[in-house]
Amino acid sequence: MSSMLSSRGLVKRELLSDVVGGCRYRVNNHLDLEYSPLPVNKIISSAEVMVGKELAYSVLSRNCEGLVTDLRYGKARSPQVRLSLGGSLSLLEVCLGWG
């Protein structure tokens, strides 16, 4: 189970429409209420530096939401990670486009 939850991932630059396909999605900048977003040019330049890098990945701690909140706010946060008693992972659903 731990190998499924922890691994390495390659940072890619892809069109959102290619990633989500025909699935519905919404942009969620809910942390804007808690943190000020960095300037857009800083976010973009930091993201461009990440493209092609292989990073440690864990659904529970070092996940896609943490990466994008770090880029947007300078703080890696993943408030969507919540394990229910049934063991469902809402963040996994979001990252895989199931949510």
PDB file of N, CA and C in Angstrom:
ATOM      1  N   MET A   1       0.825  -1.192   0.000  1.00  0.00           N
ATOM      2  CA  MET A   1       0.000   0.000   0.000  1.00  0.00           C
ATOM      3  C   MET A   1       0.869   1.255   0.000  1.00  0.00           C
ATOM      4  N   SER A   2       1.960   1.277   0.766  1.00  0.00           N
ATOM      5  CA  SER A   2       2.779   2.488   0.833  1.00  0.00           C
ATOM      6  C   SER A   2       3.408   2.815  -0.510  1.00  0.00           C
ATOM      7  N   SER A   3       3.730   1.821  -1.343  1.00  0.00           N
ATOM      8  CA  SER A   3       4.304   2.114  -2.650  1.00  0.00           C
ATOM      9  C   SER A   3       3.273   2.786  -3.551  1.00  0.00           C
ATOM     10  N   MET A   4       1.995   2.497  -3.329  1.00  0.00           N
ATOM     11  CA  MET A   4       0.948   3.148  -4.108  1.00  0.00           C
ATOM     12  C   MET A   4       0.785   4.600  -3.670  1.00  0.00           C
ATOM     13  N   LEU A   5       1.038   4.901  -2.418  1.00  0.00           N
ATOM     14  CA  LEU A   5       0.847   6.240  -1.884  1.00  0.00           C
ATOM     15  C   LEU A   5       2.099   7.111  -1.981  1.00  0.00           C
ATOM     16  N   SER A   6       3.245   6.511  -2.257  1.00  0.00           N
ATOM     17  CA  SER A   6       4.487   7.258  -2.299  1.00  0.00           C
ATOM     18  C   SER A   6       5.318   6.791  -3.483  1.00  0.00           C
ATOM     19  N   SER A   7       5.833   7.750  -4.251  1.00  0.00           N
ATOM     20  CA  SER A   7       6.589   7.400  -5.446  1.00  0.00           C
ATOM     21  C   SER A   7       7.325   8.636  -5.930  1.00  0.00           C
ATOM     22  N   ARG A   8       7.567   8.686  -7.218  1.00  0.00           N
ATOM     23  CA  ARG A   8       8.181   9.846  -7.843  1.00  0.00           C
ATOM     24  C   ARG A   8       7.317  10.236  -9.029  1.00  0.00           C
ATOM     25  N   GLY A   9       7.315  11.508  -9.350  1.00  0.00           N
ATOM     26  CA  GLY A   9       6.506  11.983 -10.466  1.00  0.00           C
ATOM     27  C   GLY A   9       7.262  12.995 -11.298  1.00  0.00           C
ATOM     28  N   LEU A  10       6.962  13.008 -12.581  1.00  0.00           N
ATOM     29  CA  LEU A  10       7.579  13.938 -13.512  1.00  0.00           C
ATOM     30  C   LEU A  10       6.662  15.137 -13.693  1.00  0.00           C
ATOM     31  N   VAL A  11       7.206  16.330 -13.523  1.00  0.00           N
ATOM     32  CA  VAL A  11       6.427  17.551 -13.713  1.00  0.00           C
ATOM     33  C   VAL A  11       6.336  17.820 -15.210  1.00  0.00           C
ATOM     34  N   LYS A  12       5.084  17.950 -15.697  1.00  0.00           N
ATOM     35  CA  LYS A  12       4.847  18.191 -17.119  1.00  0.00           C
ATOM     36  C   LYS A  12       4.089  19.484 -17.320  1.00  0.00           C
ATOM     37  N   ARG A  13       4.207  20.019 -18.525  1.00  0.00           N
ATOM     38  CA  ARG A  13       3.407  21.175 -18.925  1.00  0.00           C
ATOM     39  C   ARG A  13       2.419  20.678 -19.971  1.00  0.00           C
ATOM     40  N   GLU A  14       1.144  20.722 -19.619  1.00  0.00           N
ATOM     41  CA  GLU A  14       0.105  20.233 -20.517  1.00  0.00           C
ATOM     42  C   GLU A  14      -1.086  21.194 -20.481  1.00  0.00           C
ATOM     43  N   LEU A  15      -1.830  21.216 -21.565  1.00  0.00           N
ATOM     44  CA  LEU A  15      -3.049  22.005 -21.594  1.00  0.00           C
ATOM     45  C   LEU A  15      -4.068  21.393 -20.638  1.00  0.00           C
ATOM     46  N   LEU A  16      -4.754  22.238 -19.898  1.00  0.00           N
ATOM     47  CA  LEU A  16      -5.762  21.759 -18.964  1.00  0.00           C
ATOM     48  C   LEU A  16      -6.820  20.930 -19.700  1.00  0.00           C
ATOM     49  N   SER A  17      -7.196  21.364 -20.887  1.00  0.00           N
ATOM     50  CA  SER A  17      -8.211  20.635 -21.648  1.00  0.00           C
ATOM     51  C   SER A  17      -7.750  19.222 -21.998  1.00  0.00           C
ATOM     52  N   ASP A  18      -6.454  19.023 -22.214  1.00  0.00           N
ATOM     53  CA  ASP A  18      -5.923  17.681 -22.489  1.00  0.00           C
ATOM     54  C   ASP A  18      -5.921  16.812 -21.234  1.00  0.00           C
ATOM     55  N   VAL A  19      -5.667  17.420 -20.093  1.00  0.00           N
ATOM     56  CA  VAL A  19      -5.605  16.681 -18.832  1.00  0.00           C
ATOM     57  C   VAL A  19      -6.989  16.237 -18.386  1.00  0.00           C
ATOM     58  N   VAL A  20      -7.966  17.132 -18.443  1.00  0.00           N
ATOM     59  CA  VAL A  20      -9.296  16.800 -17.943  1.00  0.00           C
ATOM     60  C   VAL A  20     -10.166  16.104 -18.976  1.00  0.00           C
ATOM     61  N   GLY A  21      -9.781  16.177 -20.237  1.00  0.00           N
ATOM     62  CA  GLY A  21     -10.600  15.556 -21.275  1.00  0.00           C
ATOM     63  C   GLY A  21     -11.987  16.169 -21.259  1.00  0.00           C
ATOM     64  N   GLY A  22     -12.994  15.326 -21.234  1.00  0.00           N
ATOM     65  CA  GLY A  22     -14.364  15.810 -21.217  1.00  0.00           C
ATOM     66  C   GLY A  22     -14.933  15.971 -19.824  1.00  0.00           C
ATOM     67  N   CYS A  23     -14.110  15.770 -18.787  1.00  0.00           N
ATOM     68  CA  CYS A  23     -14.602  15.849 -17.406  1.00  0.00           C
ATOM     69  C   CYS A  23     -14.805  17.302 -16.983  1.00  0.00           C
ATOM     70  N   ARG A  24     -15.747  17.504 -16.076  1.00  0.00           N
ATOM     71  CA  ARG A  24     -15.981  18.827 -15.511  1.00  0.00           C
ATOM     72  C   ARG A  24     -14.884  19.138 -14.500  1.00  0.00           C
ATOM     73  N   TYR A  25     -14.538  20.403 -14.383  1.00  0.00           N
ATOM     74  CA  TYR A  25     -13.550  20.840 -13.402  1.00  0.00           C
ATOM     75  C   TYR A  25     -13.869  22.262 -12.992  1.00  0.00           C
ATOM     76  N   ARG A  26     -13.245  22.684 -11.908  1.00  0.00           N
ATOM     77  CA  ARG A  26     -13.338  24.077 -11.500  1.00  0.00           C
ATOM     78  C   ARG A  26     -12.026  24.474 -10.853  1.00  0.00           C
ATOM     79  N   VAL A  27     -11.668  25.726 -11.003  1.00  0.00           N
ATOM     80  CA  VAL A  27     -10.474  26.271 -10.365  1.00  0.00           C
ATOM     81  C   VAL A  27     -10.849  26.595  -8.931  1.00  0.00           C
ATOM     82  N   ASN A  28     -10.006  26.181  -7.993  1.00  0.00           N
ATOM     83  CA  ASN A  28     -10.297  26.394  -6.585  1.00  0.00           C
ATOM     84  C   ASN A  28      -9.120  27.124  -5.941  1.00  0.00           C
ATOM     85  N   ASN A  29      -9.265  28.413  -5.813  1.00  0.00           N
ATOM     86  CA  ASN A  29      -8.235  29.231  -5.152  1.00  0.00           C
ATOM     87  C   ASN A  29      -8.698  29.617  -3.751  1.00  0.00           C
ATOM     88  N   HIS A  30      -9.265  28.641  -3.027  1.00  0.00           N
ATOM     89  CA  HIS A  30      -9.835  28.920  -1.705  1.00  0.00           C
ATOM     90  C   HIS A  30      -8.802  29.426  -0.701  1.00  0.00           C
ATOM     91  N   LEU A  31      -7.538  29.151  -0.916  1.00  0.00           N
ATOM     92  CA  LEU A  31      -6.518  29.639   0.019  1.00  0.00           C
ATOM     93  C   LEU A  31      -6.213  31.125  -0.185  1.00  0.00           C
ATOM     94  N   ASP A  32      -6.816  31.748  -1.218  1.00  0.00           N
ATOM     95  CA  ASP A  32      -6.665  33.192  -1.400  1.00  0.00           C
ATOM     96  C   ASP A  32      -7.211  33.951  -0.194  1.00  0.00           C
ATOM     97  N   LEU A  33      -8.130  33.340   0.533  1.00  0.00           N
ATOM     98  CA  LEU A  33      -8.684  33.979   1.725  1.00  0.00           C
ATOM     99  C   LEU A  33      -7.688  33.991   2.887  1.00  0.00           C
ATOM    100  N   GLU A  34      -6.719  33.058   2.831  1.00  0.00           N
ATOM    101  CA  GLU A  34      -5.734  32.919   3.905  1.00  0.00           C
ATOM    102  C   GLU A  34      -4.367  33.491   3.537  1.00  0.00           C
ATOM    103  N   TYR A  35      -3.984  33.366   2.269  1.00  0.00           N
ATOM    104  CA  TYR A  35      -2.674  33.820   1.791  1.00  0.00           C
ATOM    105  C   TYR A  35      -2.840  34.712   0.569  1.00  0.00           C
ATOM    106  N   SER A  36      -1.909  35.634   0.393  1.00  0.00           N
ATOM    107  CA  SER A  36      -1.900  36.450  -0.824  1.00  0.00           C
ATOM    108  C   SER A  36      -1.152  35.689  -1.907  1.00  0.00           C
ATOM    109  N   PRO A  37      -1.763  35.558  -3.084  1.00  0.00           N
ATOM    110  CA  PRO A  37      -1.053  34.894  -4.182  1.00  0.00           C
ATOM    111  C   PRO A  37       0.179  35.697  -4.592  1.00  0.00           C
ATOM    112  N   LEU A  38       1.201  34.998  -5.021  1.00  0.00           N
ATOM    113  CA  LEU A  38       2.390  35.655  -5.543  1.00  0.00           C
ATOM    114  C   LEU A  38       2.049  36.291  -6.886  1.00  0.00           C
ATOM    115  N   PRO A  39       2.871  37.210  -7.367  1.00  0.00           N
ATOM    116  CA  PRO A  39       2.621  37.800  -8.687  1.00  0.00           C
ATOM    117  C   PRO A  39       2.603  36.713  -9.769  1.00  0.00           C
ATOM    118  N   VAL A  40       1.719  36.881 -10.748  1.00  0.00           N
ATOM    119  CA  VAL A  40       1.535  35.868 -11.798  1.00  0.00           C
ATOM    120  C   VAL A  40       2.850  35.544 -12.502  1.00  0.00           C
ATOM    121  N   ASN A  41       3.666  36.554 -12.809  1.00  0.00           N
ATOM    122  CA  ASN A  41       4.929  36.282 -13.504  1.00  0.00           C
ATOM    123  C   ASN A  41       5.867  35.429 -12.652  1.00  0.00           C
ATOM    124  N   LYS A  42       5.821  35.588 -11.332  1.00  0.00           N
ATOM    125  CA  LYS A  42       6.632  34.748 -10.428  1.00  0.00           C
ATOM    126  C   LYS A  42       6.110  33.314 -10.428  1.00  0.00           C
ATOM    127  N   ILE A  43       4.794  33.147 -10.380  1.00  0.00           N
ATOM    128  CA  ILE A  43       4.193  31.810 -10.403  1.00  0.00           C
ATOM    129  C   ILE A  43       4.580  31.092 -11.689  1.00  0.00           C
ATOM    130  N   ILE A  44       4.441  31.782 -12.817  1.00  0.00           N
ATOM    131  CA  ILE A  44       4.740  31.168 -14.118  1.00  0.00           C
ATOM    132  C   ILE A  44       6.211  30.817 -14.237  1.00  0.00           C
ATOM    133  N   SER A  45       7.093  31.729 -13.854  1.00  0.00           N
ATOM    134  CA  SER A  45       8.531  31.439 -13.979  1.00  0.00           C
ATOM    135  C   SER A  45       8.944  30.293 -13.056  1.00  0.00           C
ATOM    136  N   SER A  46       8.378  30.239 -11.845  1.00  0.00           N
ATOM    137  CA  SER A  46       8.691  29.133 -10.935  1.00  0.00           C
ATOM    138  C   SER A  46       8.162  27.813 -11.480  1.00  0.00           C
ATOM    139  N   ALA A  47       6.987  27.844 -12.090  1.00  0.00           N
ATOM    140  CA  ALA A  47       6.409  26.632 -12.672  1.00  0.00           C
ATOM    141  C   ALA A  47       7.240  26.153 -13.856  1.00  0.00           C
ATOM    142  N   GLU A  48       7.694  27.066 -14.679  1.00  0.00           N
ATOM    143  CA  GLU A  48       8.499  26.694 -15.845  1.00  0.00           C
ATOM    144  C   GLU A  48       9.809  26.022 -15.435  1.00  0.00           C
ATOM    145  N   VAL A  49      10.383  26.453 -14.324  1.00  0.00           N
ATOM    146  CA  VAL A  49      11.620  25.842 -13.812  1.00  0.00           C
ATOM    147  C   VAL A  49      11.372  24.397 -13.389  1.00  0.00           C
ATOM    148  N   MET A  50      10.156  24.098 -12.930  1.00  0.00           N
ATOM    149  CA  MET A  50       9.819  22.757 -12.441  1.00  0.00           C
ATOM    150  C   MET A  50       9.611  21.741 -13.575  1.00  0.00           C
ATOM    151  N   VAL A  51       9.233  22.223 -14.763  1.00  0.00           N
ATOM    152  CA  VAL A  51       8.925  21.331 -15.884  1.00  0.00           C
ATOM    153  C   VAL A  51      10.132  20.452 -16.204  1.00  0.00           C
ATOM    154  N   GLY A  52       9.871  19.145 -16.294  1.00  0.00           N
ATOM    155  CA  GLY A  52      10.923  18.181 -16.611  1.00  0.00           C
ATOM    156  C   GLY A  52      11.612  17.598 -15.393  1.00  0.00           C
ATOM    157  N   LYS A  53      11.353  18.158 -14.214  1.00  0.00           N
ATOM    158  CA  LYS A  53      11.974  17.630 -12.998  1.00  0.00           C
ATOM    159  C   LYS A  53      11.190  16.435 -12.466  1.00  0.00           C
ATOM    160  N   GLU A  54      11.905  15.504 -11.911  1.00  0.00           N
ATOM    161  CA  GLU A  54      11.286  14.372 -11.243  1.00  0.00           C
ATOM    162  C   GLU A  54      11.320  14.647  -9.750  1.00  0.00           C
ATOM    163  N   LEU A  55      10.144  14.623  -9.131  1.00  0.00           N
ATOM    164  CA  LEU A  55      10.021  14.959  -7.720  1.00  0.00           C
ATOM    165  C   LEU A  55       9.479  13.791  -6.916  1.00  0.00           C
ATOM    166  N   ALA A  56       9.826  13.765  -5.647  1.00  0.00           N
ATOM    167  CA  ALA A  56       9.211  12.794  -4.741  1.00  0.00           C
ATOM    168  C   ALA A  56       7.722  13.095  -4.700  1.00  0.00           C
ATOM    169  N   TYR A  57       6.887  12.055  -4.658  1.00  0.00           N
ATOM    170  CA  TYR A  57       5.445  12.216  -4.663  1.00  0.00           C
ATOM    171  C   TYR A  57       4.819  11.293  -3.636  1.00  0.00           C
ATOM    172  N   SER A  58       3.909  11.843  -2.867  1.00  0.00           N
ATOM    173  CA  SER A  58       3.125  11.053  -1.927  1.00  0.00           C
ATOM    174  C   SER A  58       1.720  11.639  -1.900  1.00  0.00           C
ATOM    175  N   VAL A  59       0.711  10.812  -2.064  1.00  0.00           N
ATOM    176  CA  VAL A  59      -0.664  11.282  -2.039  1.00  0.00           C
ATOM    177  C   VAL A  59      -0.950  12.020  -0.737  1.00  0.00           C
ATOM    178  N   LEU A  60      -0.346  11.576   0.344  1.00  0.00           N
ATOM    179  CA  LEU A  60      -0.661  12.142   1.654  1.00  0.00           C
ATOM    180  C   LEU A  60       0.151  13.370   2.027  1.00  0.00           C
ATOM    181  N   SER A  61       1.342  13.561   1.446  1.00  0.00           N
ATOM    182  CA  SER A  61       2.157  14.685   1.911  1.00  0.00           C
ATOM    183  C   SER A  61       2.774  15.530   0.795  1.00  0.00           C
ATOM    184  N   ARG A  62       3.330  14.930  -0.226  1.00  0.00           N
ATOM    185  CA  ARG A  62       3.962  15.692  -1.309  1.00  0.00           C
ATOM    186  C   ARG A  62       3.183  15.423  -2.588  1.00  0.00           C
ATOM    187  N   ASN A  63       2.035  16.075  -2.732  1.00  0.00           N
ATOM    188  CA  ASN A  63       1.139  15.769  -3.829  1.00  0.00           C
ATOM    189  C   ASN A  63       0.981  16.954  -4.775  1.00  0.00           C
ATOM    190  N   CYS A  64       0.141  16.777  -5.784  1.00  0.00           N
ATOM    191  CA  CYS A  64      -0.026  17.817  -6.800  1.00  0.00           C
ATOM    192  C   CYS A  64      -0.595  19.111  -6.223  1.00  0.00           C
ATOM    193  N   GLU A  65      -1.507  19.014  -5.266  1.00  0.00           N
ATOM    194  CA  GLU A  65      -2.068  20.219  -4.661  1.00  0.00           C
ATOM    195  C   GLU A  65      -0.991  20.981  -3.880  1.00  0.00           C
ATOM    196  N   GLY A  66      -0.139  20.259  -3.176  1.00  0.00           N
ATOM    197  CA  GLY A  66       0.956  20.900  -2.455  1.00  0.00           C
ATOM    198  C   GLY A  66       1.896  21.642  -3.390  1.00  0.00           C
ATOM    199  N   LEU A  67       2.164  21.039  -4.553  1.00  0.00           N
ATOM    200  CA  LEU A  67       3.043  21.679  -5.535  1.00  0.00           C
ATOM    201  C   LEU A  67       2.428  22.980  -6.041  1.00  0.00           C
ATOM    202  N   VAL A  68       1.161  22.951  -6.420  1.00  0.00           N
ATOM    203  CA  VAL A  68       0.564  24.169  -6.972  1.00  0.00           C
ATOM    204  C   VAL A  68       0.329  25.240  -5.918  1.00  0.00           C
ATOM    205  N   THR A  69       0.025  24.853  -4.679  1.00  0.00           N
ATOM    206  CA  THR A  69      -0.122  25.885  -3.644  1.00  0.00           C
ATOM    207  C   THR A  69       1.234  26.502  -3.303  1.00  0.00           C
ATOM    208  N   ASP A  70       2.296  25.712  -3.383  1.00  0.00           N
ATOM    209  CA  ASP A  70       3.637  26.256  -3.179  1.00  0.00           C
ATOM    210  C   ASP A  70       3.964  27.261  -4.280  1.00  0.00           C
ATOM    211  N   LEU A  71       3.612  26.932  -5.514  1.00  0.00           N
ATOM    212  CA  LEU A  71       3.851  27.856  -6.620  1.00  0.00           C
ATOM    213  C   LEU A  71       3.014  29.127  -6.466  1.00  0.00           C
ATOM    214  N   ARG A  72       1.752  28.988  -6.081  1.00  0.00           N
ATOM    215  CA  ARG A  72       0.844  30.137  -6.009  1.00  0.00           C
ATOM    216  C   ARG A  72       1.078  31.016  -4.785  1.00  0.00           C
ATOM    217  N   TYR A  73       1.353  30.392  -3.625  1.00  0.00           N
ATOM    218  CA  TYR A  73       1.439  31.155  -2.375  1.00  0.00           C
ATOM    219  C   TYR A  73       2.819  31.127  -1.713  1.00  0.00           C
ATOM    220  N   GLY A  74       3.697  30.244  -2.193  1.00  0.00           N
ATOM    221  CA  GLY A  74       4.980  30.088  -1.524  1.00  0.00           C
ATOM    222  C   GLY A  74       4.885  29.204  -0.295  1.00  0.00           C
ATOM    223  N   LYS A  75       3.766  28.482  -0.175  1.00  0.00           N
ATOM    224  CA  LYS A  75       3.533  27.573   0.952  1.00  0.00           C
ATOM    225  C   LYS A  75       2.894  26.299   0.410  1.00  0.00           C
ATOM    226  N   ALA A  76       3.534  25.175   0.644  1.00  0.00           N
ATOM    227  CA  ALA A  76       2.985  23.895   0.189  1.00  0.00           C
ATOM    228  C   ALA A  76       1.912  23.440   1.164  1.00  0.00           C
ATOM    229  N   ARG A  77       0.654  23.558   0.763  1.00  0.00           N
ATOM    230  CA  ARG A  77      -0.474  23.150   1.599  1.00  0.00           C
ATOM    231  C   ARG A  77      -1.379  22.231   0.795  1.00  0.00           C
ATOM    232  N   SER A  78      -1.951  21.267   1.458  1.00  0.00           N
ATOM    233  CA  SER A  78      -2.882  20.364   0.799  1.00  0.00           C
ATOM    234  C   SER A  78      -4.062  20.079   1.722  1.00  0.00           C
ATOM    235  N   PRO A  79      -4.955  21.054   1.874  1.00  0.00           N
ATOM    236  CA  PRO A  79      -6.078  20.840   2.779  1.00  0.00           C
ATOM    237  C   PRO A  79      -7.093  19.824   2.282  1.00  0.00           C
ATOM    238  N   GLN A  80      -7.012  19.387   1.026  1.00  0.00           N
ATOM    239  CA  GLN A  80      -7.964  18.409   0.512  1.00  0.00           C
ATOM    240  C   GLN A  80      -7.646  16.991   0.971  1.00  0.00           C
ATOM    241  N   VAL A  81      -6.444  16.784   1.509  1.00  0.00           N
ATOM    242  CA  VAL A  81      -6.090  15.437   1.939  1.00  0.00           C
ATOM    243  C   VAL A  81      -6.840  15.121   3.224  1.00  0.00           C
ATOM    244  N   ARG A  82      -7.827  14.278   3.093  1.00  0.00           N
ATOM    245  CA  ARG A  82      -8.607  13.828   4.245  1.00  0.00           C
ATOM    246  C   ARG A  82      -8.916  12.356   4.049  1.00  0.00           C
ATOM    247  N   LEU A  83      -8.542  11.565   4.996  1.00  0.00           N
ATOM    248  CA  LEU A  83      -8.886  10.146   4.940  1.00  0.00           C
ATOM    249  C   LEU A  83     -10.198   9.933   5.680  1.00  0.00           C
ATOM    250  N   SER A  84     -11.148   9.373   5.017  1.00  0.00           N
ATOM    251  CA  SER A  84     -12.396   9.047   5.700  1.00  0.00           C
ATOM    252  C   SER A  84     -12.232   7.684   6.358  1.00  0.00           C
ATOM    253  N   LEU A  85     -13.187   7.320   7.166  1.00  0.00           N
ATOM    254  CA  LEU A  85     -13.122   6.004   7.801  1.00  0.00           C
ATOM    255  C   LEU A  85     -13.125   4.896   6.764  1.00  0.00           C
ATOM    256  N   GLY A  86     -13.704   5.156   5.603  1.00  0.00           N
ATOM    257  CA  GLY A  86     -13.724   4.156   4.542  1.00  0.00           C
ATOM    258  C   GLY A  86     -12.433   4.111   3.746  1.00  0.00           C
ATOM    259  N   GLY A  87     -11.507   5.018   4.030  1.00  0.00           N
ATOM    260  CA  GLY A  87     -10.211   5.018   3.358  1.00  0.00           C
ATOM    261  C   GLY A  87     -10.199   5.735   2.019  1.00  0.00           C
ATOM    262  N   SER A  88     -11.235   6.511   1.702  1.00  0.00           N
ATOM    263  CA  SER A  88     -11.243   7.199   0.417  1.00  0.00           C
ATOM    264  C   SER A  88     -10.308   8.409   0.483  1.00  0.00           C
ATOM    265  N   LEU A  89      -9.707   8.727  -0.642  1.00  0.00           N
ATOM    266  CA  LEU A  89      -8.782   9.853  -0.720  1.00  0.00           C
ATOM    267  C   LEU A  89      -9.346  10.882  -1.683  1.00  0.00           C
ATOM    268  N   SER A  90      -9.887  11.963  -1.159  1.00  0.00           N
ATOM    269  CA  SER A  90     -10.479  12.959  -2.041  1.00  0.00           C
ATOM    270  C   SER A  90      -9.424  13.592  -2.940  1.00  0.00           C
ATOM    271  N   LEU A  91      -8.201  13.786  -2.445  1.00  0.00           N
ATOM    272  CA  LEU A  91      -7.164  14.395  -3.265  1.00  0.00           C
ATOM    273  C   LEU A  91      -6.795  13.482  -4.423  1.00  0.00           C
ATOM    274  N   LEU A  92      -6.714  12.191  -4.191  1.00  0.00           N
ATOM    275  CA  LEU A  92      -6.404  11.256  -5.260  1.00  0.00           C
ATOM    276  C   LEU A  92      -7.443  11.371  -6.361  1.00  0.00           C
ATOM    277  N   GLU A  93      -8.687  11.497  -5.987  1.00  0.00           N
ATOM    278  CA  GLU A  93      -9.744  11.657  -6.971  1.00  0.00           C
ATOM    279  C   GLU A  93      -9.545  12.939  -7.768  1.00  0.00           C
ATOM    280  N   VAL A  94      -9.151  14.008  -7.087  1.00  0.00           N
ATOM    281  CA  VAL A  94      -8.936  15.283  -7.761  1.00  0.00           C
ATOM    282  C   VAL A  94      -7.751  15.196  -8.716  1.00  0.00           C
ATOM    283  N   CYS A  95      -6.642  14.645  -8.255  1.00  0.00           N
ATOM    284  CA  CYS A  95      -5.441  14.571  -9.083  1.00  0.00           C
ATOM    285  C   CYS A  95      -5.659  13.684 -10.311  1.00  0.00           C
ATOM    286  N   LEU A  96      -6.464  12.651 -10.156  1.00  0.00           N
ATOM    287  CA  LEU A  96      -6.717  11.743 -11.263  1.00  0.00           C
ATOM    288  C   LEU A  96      -7.929  12.158 -12.076  1.00  0.00           C
ATOM    289  N   GLY A  97      -8.586  13.231 -11.669  1.00  0.00           N
ATOM    290  CA  GLY A  97      -9.739  13.724 -12.399  1.00  0.00           C
ATOM    291  C   GLY A  97     -11.016  12.958 -12.139  1.00  0.00           C
ATOM    292  N   TRP A  98     -11.077  12.217 -11.034  1.00  0.00           N
ATOM    293  CA  TRP A  98     -12.267  11.445 -10.721  1.00  0.00           C
ATOM    294  C   TRP A  98     -13.282  12.242  -9.945  1.00  0.00           C
ATOM    295  N   GLY A  99     -12.858  13.355  -9.353  1.00  0.00           N
ATOM    296  CA  GLY A  99     -13.748  14.126  -8.476  1.00  0.00           C
ATOM    297  C   GLY A  99     -14.575  15.141  -9.206  1.00  0.00           C
TER     298      GLY A  99
END
